[in-house]
PDB file of N, CA and C in Angstrom:
ATOM      1  N   MET A   1     194.580  12.230 -67.573  1.00  0.00           N
ATOM      2  CA  MET A   1     195.126  11.012 -66.108  1.00  0.00           C
ATOM      3  C   MET A   1     196.117  12.355 -65.882  1.00  0.00           C
ATOM      4  N   LYS A   2     197.484  13.308 -66.679  1.00  0.00           N
ATOM      5  CA  LYS A   2     198.524  14.449 -67.002  1.00  0.00           C
ATOM      6  C   LYS A   2     197.503  15.087 -65.993  1.00  0.00           C
ATOM      7  N   ILE A   3     196.823  15.608 -66.348  1.00  0.00           N
ATOM      8  CA  ILE A   3     196.036  16.706 -65.570  1.00  0.00           C
ATOM      9  C   ILE A   3     196.044  16.744 -64.286  1.00  0.00           C
ATOM     10  N   GLN A   4     195.411  15.274 -63.572  1.00  0.00           N
ATOM     11  CA  GLN A   4     195.108  15.280 -62.374  1.00  0.00           C
ATOM     12  C   GLN A   4     196.376  14.492 -62.098  1.00  0.00           C
ATOM     13  N   ASP A   5     197.577  14.776 -61.913  1.00  0.00           N
ATOM     14  CA  ASP A   5     198.570  13.960 -61.614  1.00  0.00           C
ATOM     15  C   ASP A   5     198.972  12.570 -60.937  1.00  0.00           C
ATOM     16  N   VAL A   6     198.012  11.809 -61.738  1.00  0.00           N
ATOM     17  CA  VAL A   6     198.299  10.098 -62.387  1.00  0.00           C
ATOM     18  C   VAL A   6     199.669   9.994 -62.753  1.00  0.00           C
ATOM     19  N   THR A   7     200.944   9.461 -61.804  1.00  0.00           N
ATOM     20  CA  THR A   7     201.647   8.691 -62.315  1.00  0.00           C
ATOM     21  C   THR A   7     201.693   7.458 -62.399  1.00  0.00           C
ATOM     22  N   PRO A   8     202.848   7.227 -62.818  1.00  0.00           N
ATOM     23  CA  PRO A   8     203.180   5.369 -63.289  1.00  0.00           C
ATOM     24  C   PRO A   8     202.873   5.036 -61.278  1.00  0.00           C
ATOM     25  N   GLU A   9     203.868   5.691 -60.610  1.00  0.00           N
ATOM     26  CA  GLU A   9     204.448   5.185 -59.648  1.00  0.00           C
ATOM     27  C   GLU A   9     203.139   5.281 -58.733  1.00  0.00           C
ATOM     28  N   TYR A  10     202.478   6.389 -59.244  1.00  0.00           N
ATOM     29  CA  TYR A  10     200.800   5.744 -57.988  1.00  0.00           C
ATOM     30  C   TYR A  10     199.982   5.062 -58.413  1.00  0.00           C
ATOM     31  N   VAL A  11     200.361   4.512 -59.975  1.00  0.00           N
ATOM     32  CA  VAL A  11     199.167   3.583 -60.236  1.00  0.00           C
ATOM     33  C   VAL A  11     200.196   2.450 -59.815  1.00  0.00           C
ATOM     34  N   LYS A  12     201.430   2.242 -59.961  1.00  0.00           N
ATOM     35  CA  LYS A  12     201.952   0.517 -59.361  1.00  0.00           C
ATOM     36  C   LYS A  12     201.804   0.591 -57.662  1.00  0.00           C
ATOM     37  N   ALA A  13     201.645   2.103 -57.116  1.00  0.00           N
ATOM     38  CA  ALA A  13     201.420   1.838 -55.775  1.00  0.00           C
ATOM     39  C   ALA A  13     200.357   1.543 -55.188  1.00  0.00           C
ATOM     40  N   LEU A  14     199.273   1.584 -55.970  1.00  0.00           N
ATOM     41  CA  LEU A  14     197.680   0.827 -55.966  1.00  0.00           C
ATOM     42  C   LEU A  14     197.966  -0.383 -56.099  1.00  0.00           C
ATOM     43  N   ALA A  15     198.632  -0.810 -57.180  1.00  0.00           N
ATOM     44  CA  ALA A  15     198.835  -1.788 -57.069  1.00  0.00           C
ATOM     45  C   ALA A  15     199.421  -3.163 -56.591  1.00  0.00           C
ATOM     46  N   ALA A  16     200.724  -2.002 -55.717  1.00  0.00           N
ATOM     47  CA  ALA A  16     200.817  -2.739 -54.607  1.00  0.00           C
ATOM     48  C   ALA A  16     199.950  -2.811 -53.619  1.00  0.00           C
ATOM     49  N   GLU A  17     198.682  -2.394 -53.170  1.00  0.00           N
ATOM     50  CA  GLU A  17     197.883  -2.386 -52.254  1.00  0.00           C
ATOM     51  C   GLU A  17     196.916  -3.552 -52.976  1.00  0.00           C
ATOM     52  N   GLY A  18     197.186  -4.068 -53.858  1.00  0.00           N
ATOM     53  CA  GLY A  18     195.683  -5.308 -54.440  1.00  0.00           C
ATOM     54  C   GLY A  18     194.749  -4.493 -54.916  1.00  0.00           C
ATOM     55  N   TYR A  19     195.192  -3.000 -55.745  1.00  0.00           N
ATOM     56  CA  TYR A  19     193.655  -3.001 -56.635  1.00  0.00           C
ATOM     57  C   TYR A  19     194.581  -2.388 -57.966  1.00  0.00           C
ATOM     58  N   LYS A  20     194.066  -3.165 -58.922  1.00  0.00           N
ATOM     59  CA  LYS A  20     194.294  -3.389 -60.814  1.00  0.00           C
ATOM     60  C   LYS A  20     193.070  -2.289 -61.017  1.00  0.00           C
ATOM     61  N   LEU A  21     193.573  -1.399 -61.353  1.00  0.00           N
ATOM     62  CA  LEU A  21     191.950  -0.115 -61.439  1.00  0.00           C
ATOM     63  C   LEU A  21     192.488   0.284 -62.955  1.00  0.00           C
ATOM     64  N   ASP A  22     190.692   0.404 -63.468  1.00  0.00           N
ATOM     65  CA  ASP A  22     190.883   1.436 -64.696  1.00  0.00           C
ATOM     66  C   ASP A  22     190.959   2.627 -64.595  1.00  0.00           C
ATOM     67  N   ALA A  23     191.624   2.840 -65.668  1.00  0.00           N
ATOM     68  CA  ALA A  23     191.492   4.581 -65.766  1.00  0.00           C
ATOM     69  C   ALA A  23     190.823   5.414 -64.804  1.00  0.00           C
ATOM     70  N   HIS A  24     189.675   5.665 -64.976  1.00  0.00           N
ATOM     71  CA  HIS A  24     188.342   5.906 -64.992  1.00  0.00           C
ATOM     72  C   HIS A  24     188.447   5.969 -62.987  1.00  0.00           C
ATOM     73  N   GLN A  25     189.070   4.977 -62.804  1.00  0.00           N
ATOM     74  CA  GLN A  25     188.600   4.806 -60.872  1.00  0.00           C
ATOM     75  C   GLN A  25     190.365   4.827 -60.359  1.00  0.00           C
ATOM     76  N   VAL A  26     191.378   4.959 -61.477  1.00  0.00           N
ATOM     77  CA  VAL A  26     192.796   5.657 -61.168  1.00  0.00           C
ATOM     78  C   VAL A  26     192.373   7.344 -60.554  1.00  0.00           C
ATOM     79  N   VAL A  27     192.184   7.723 -61.414  1.00  0.00           N
ATOM     80  CA  VAL A  27     191.788   9.285 -61.648  1.00  0.00           C
ATOM     81  C   VAL A  27     190.698   9.630 -60.406  1.00  0.00           C
ATOM     82  N   GLY A  28     189.550   9.382 -60.041  1.00  0.00           N
ATOM     83  CA  GLY A  28     189.079   9.639 -59.585  1.00  0.00           C
ATOM     84  C   GLY A  28     189.719   9.498 -57.846  1.00  0.00           C
ATOM     85  N   ALA A  29     190.047   7.775 -57.636  1.00  0.00           N
ATOM     86  CA  ALA A  29     191.268   7.929 -56.668  1.00  0.00           C
ATOM     87  C   ALA A  29     191.876   9.417 -56.064  1.00  0.00           C
ATOM     88  N   LYS A  30     192.747   9.295 -57.230  1.00  0.00           N
ATOM     89  CA  LYS A  30     193.691  10.915 -56.731  1.00  0.00           C
ATOM     90  C   LYS A  30     192.853  11.793 -56.763  1.00  0.00           C
ATOM     91  N   ILE A  31     191.846  11.815 -57.349  1.00  0.00           N
ATOM     92  CA  ILE A  31     190.787  13.355 -57.051  1.00  0.00           C
ATOM     93  C   ILE A  31     190.738  13.439 -55.540  1.00  0.00           C
ATOM     94  N   MET A  32     190.108  12.481 -55.496  1.00  0.00           N
ATOM     95  CA  MET A  32     189.866  12.598 -53.911  1.00  0.00           C
ATOM     96  C   MET A  32     191.053  12.472 -52.643  1.00  0.00           C
ATOM     97  N   GLY A  33     191.761  12.089 -53.196  1.00  0.00           N
ATOM     98  CA  GLY A  33     193.154  12.232 -51.905  1.00  0.00           C
ATOM     99  C   GLY A  33     193.128  10.658 -51.603  1.00  0.00           C
ATOM    100  N   VAL A  34     192.721   9.467 -52.664  1.00  0.00           N
ATOM    101  CA  VAL A  34     193.343   7.970 -51.576  1.00  0.00           C
ATOM    102  C   VAL A  34     194.518   7.597 -51.976  1.00  0.00           C
ATOM    103  N   THR A  35     194.994   7.543 -51.393  1.00  0.00           N
ATOM    104  CA  THR A  35     197.103   7.252 -51.148  1.00  0.00           C
ATOM    105  C   THR A  35     197.187   5.734 -50.465  1.00  0.00           C
ATOM    106  N   PRO A  36     198.300   5.422 -51.273  1.00  0.00           N
ATOM    107  CA  PRO A  36     198.753   3.895 -50.803  1.00  0.00           C
ATOM    108  C   PRO A  36     198.896   3.834 -48.970  1.00  0.00           C
ATOM    109  N   GLU A  37     199.399   5.651 -48.577  1.00  0.00           N
ATOM    110  CA  GLU A  37     199.553   5.605 -47.104  1.00  0.00           C
ATOM    111  C   GLU A  37     197.663   5.110 -46.504  1.00  0.00           C
ATOM    112  N   PHE A  38     196.816   5.804 -47.491  1.00  0.00           N
ATOM    113  CA  PHE A  38     195.437   5.854 -46.532  1.00  0.00           C
ATOM    114  C   PHE A  38     194.640   4.572 -46.489  1.00  0.00           C
ATOM    115  N   ILE A  39     195.360   3.513 -48.047  1.00  0.00           N
ATOM    116  CA  ILE A  39     194.545   2.443 -47.745  1.00  0.00           C
ATOM    117  C   ILE A  39     195.428   1.426 -46.747  1.00  0.00           C
ATOM    118  N   GLN A  40     196.416   2.006 -45.960  1.00  0.00           N
ATOM    119  CA  GLN A  40     196.983   1.691 -45.173  1.00  0.00           C
ATOM    120  C   GLN A  40     196.669   1.458 -44.090  1.00  0.00           C
ATOM    121  N   LYS A  41     196.313   2.904 -43.558  1.00  0.00           N
ATOM    122  CA  LYS A  41     195.554   3.616 -41.993  1.00  0.00           C
ATOM    123  C   LYS A  41     194.238   2.940 -42.457  1.00  0.00           C
ATOM    124  N   ALA A  42     193.796   2.853 -43.671  1.00  0.00           N
ATOM    125  CA  ALA A  42     192.589   1.844 -42.968  1.00  0.00           C
ATOM    126  C   ALA A  42     192.354   0.474 -42.971  1.00  0.00           C
ATOM    127  N   LYS A  43     193.199  -0.255 -43.826  1.00  0.00           N
ATOM    128  CA  LYS A  43     193.560  -1.645 -43.053  1.00  0.00           C
ATOM    129  C   LYS A  43     194.252  -1.672 -41.678  1.00  0.00           C
ATOM    130  N   SER A  44     195.104  -0.802 -41.694  1.00  0.00           N
ATOM    131  CA  SER A  44     195.286  -0.941 -39.849  1.00  0.00           C
ATOM    132  C   SER A  44     194.044  -1.421 -38.626  1.00  0.00           C
ATOM    133  N   HIS A  45     192.697  -0.010 -39.223  1.00  0.00           N
ATOM    134  CA  HIS A  45     191.359  -0.548 -38.451  1.00  0.00           C
ATOM    135  C   HIS A  45     190.539  -0.843 -38.681  1.00  0.00           C
ATOM    136  N   GLY A  46     190.968  -2.170 -39.654  1.00  0.00           N
ATOM    137  CA  GLY A  46     190.561  -3.296 -40.229  1.00  0.00           C
ATOM    138  C   GLY A  46     188.983  -2.943 -40.884  1.00  0.00           C
ATOM    139  N   PHE A  47     189.943  -2.205 -42.012  1.00  0.00           N
ATOM    140  CA  PHE A  47     189.020  -1.910 -43.376  1.00  0.00           C
ATOM    141  C   PHE A  47     189.491  -2.913 -44.445  1.00  0.00           C
ATOM    142  N   THR A  48     189.107  -3.947 -44.481  1.00  0.00           N
ATOM    143  CA  THR A  48     190.051  -4.769 -45.180  1.00  0.00           C
ATOM    144  C   THR A  48     189.088  -5.270 -46.770  1.00  0.00           C
ATOM    145  N   ASN A  49     189.499  -5.003 -47.700  1.00  0.00           N
ATOM    146  CA  ASN A  49     188.867  -6.090 -49.020  1.00  0.00           C
ATOM    147  C   ASN A  49     187.919  -4.993 -49.199  1.00  0.00           C
ATOM    148  N   LEU A  50     187.813  -3.464 -49.246  1.00  0.00           N
ATOM    149  CA  LEU A  50     186.954  -2.323 -49.551  1.00  0.00           C
ATOM    150  C   LEU A  50     187.274  -2.314 -51.237  1.00  0.00           C
ATOM    151  N   THR A  51     186.649  -2.430 -51.953  1.00  0.00           N
ATOM    152  CA  THR A  51     186.382  -1.312 -53.422  1.00  0.00           C
ATOM    153  C   THR A  51     187.370   0.089 -53.090  1.00  0.00           C
ATOM    154  N   ILE A  52     187.980   0.191 -54.506  1.00  0.00           N
ATOM    155  CA  ILE A  52     187.997   1.512 -54.342  1.00  0.00           C
ATOM    156  C   ILE A  52     187.060   2.554 -54.369  1.00  0.00           C
ATOM    157  N   GLU A  53     185.703   1.941 -54.644  1.00  0.00           N
ATOM    158  CA  GLU A  53     184.288   2.782 -54.578  1.00  0.00           C
ATOM    159  C   GLU A  53     184.492   3.383 -52.846  1.00  0.00           C
ATOM    160  N   LYS A  54     184.557   2.081 -52.281  1.00  0.00           N
ATOM    161  CA  LYS A  54     184.179   1.930 -50.559  1.00  0.00           C
ATOM    162  C   LYS A  54     185.565   2.936 -50.296  1.00  0.00           C
ATOM    163  N   LEU A  55     186.540   2.914 -50.019  1.00  0.00           N
ATOM    164  CA  LEU A  55     187.877   3.642 -50.126  1.00  0.00           C
ATOM    165  C   LEU A  55     187.587   4.783 -50.052  1.00  0.00           C
ATOM    166  N   ILE A  56     187.073   5.939 -51.317  1.00  0.00           N
ATOM    167  CA  ILE A  56     186.890   7.091 -51.967  1.00  0.00           C
ATOM    168  C   ILE A  56     185.855   7.912 -50.837  1.00  0.00           C
ATOM    169  N   GLN A  57     184.998   6.648 -50.146  1.00  0.00           N
ATOM    170  CA  GLN A  57     183.101   6.967 -49.768  1.00  0.00           C
ATOM    171  C   GLN A  57     184.200   6.993 -47.960  1.00  0.00           C
ATOM    172  N   LEU A  58     185.092   6.202 -47.885  1.00  0.00           N
ATOM    173  CA  LEU A  58     185.592   6.240 -46.802  1.00  0.00           C
ATOM    174  C   LEU A  58     186.962   7.741 -46.346  1.00  0.00           C
ATOM    175  N   LYS A  59     187.392   8.232 -47.359  1.00  0.00           N
ATOM    176  CA  LYS A  59     188.357   9.166 -47.724  1.00  0.00           C
ATOM    177  C   LYS A  59     187.178  10.744 -47.966  1.00  0.00           C
ATOM    178  N   ASN A  60     186.130  10.494 -48.271  1.00  0.00           N
ATOM    179  CA  ASN A  60     185.111  11.607 -48.256  1.00  0.00           C
ATOM    180  C   ASN A  60     184.810  11.572 -46.752  1.00  0.00           C
ATOM    181  N   ALA A  61     184.308  11.071 -46.374  1.00  0.00           N
ATOM    182  CA  ALA A  61     183.866  10.907 -44.583  1.00  0.00           C
ATOM    183  C   ALA A  61     184.534  11.224 -43.786  1.00  0.00           C
ATOM    184  N   ASP A  62     185.699  11.492 -44.061  1.00  0.00           N
ATOM    185  CA  ASP A  62     187.061  11.988 -43.363  1.00  0.00           C
ATOM    186  C   ASP A  62     187.108  11.644 -41.792  1.00  0.00           C
ATOM    187  N   ILE A  63     187.573  10.410 -41.808  1.00  0.00           N
ATOM    188  CA  ILE A  63     187.060   9.808 -41.025  1.00  0.00           C
ATOM    189  C   ILE A  63     188.217   9.293 -40.257  1.00  0.00           C
ATOM    190  N   PHE A  64     189.497   9.143 -41.460  1.00  0.00           N
ATOM    191  CA  PHE A  64     190.438   8.954 -40.663  1.00  0.00           C
ATOM    192  C   PHE A  64     191.240  10.257 -40.804  1.00  0.00           C
TER     193      PHE A  64
END
């Protein structure tokens, strides 16, 4: 996790957005650039209740 710059603050920020993730999911989200800000942006566009995998796909599609 350290190599990917996954910090306790990042994990807490994802948890604050409603995502309780395992280590693999957290690292995947970090690598793909899923941030709490991105999650908020997705939610503001009506993308709610998405899994972390769906958020990663949305980020990878570069829609926002």
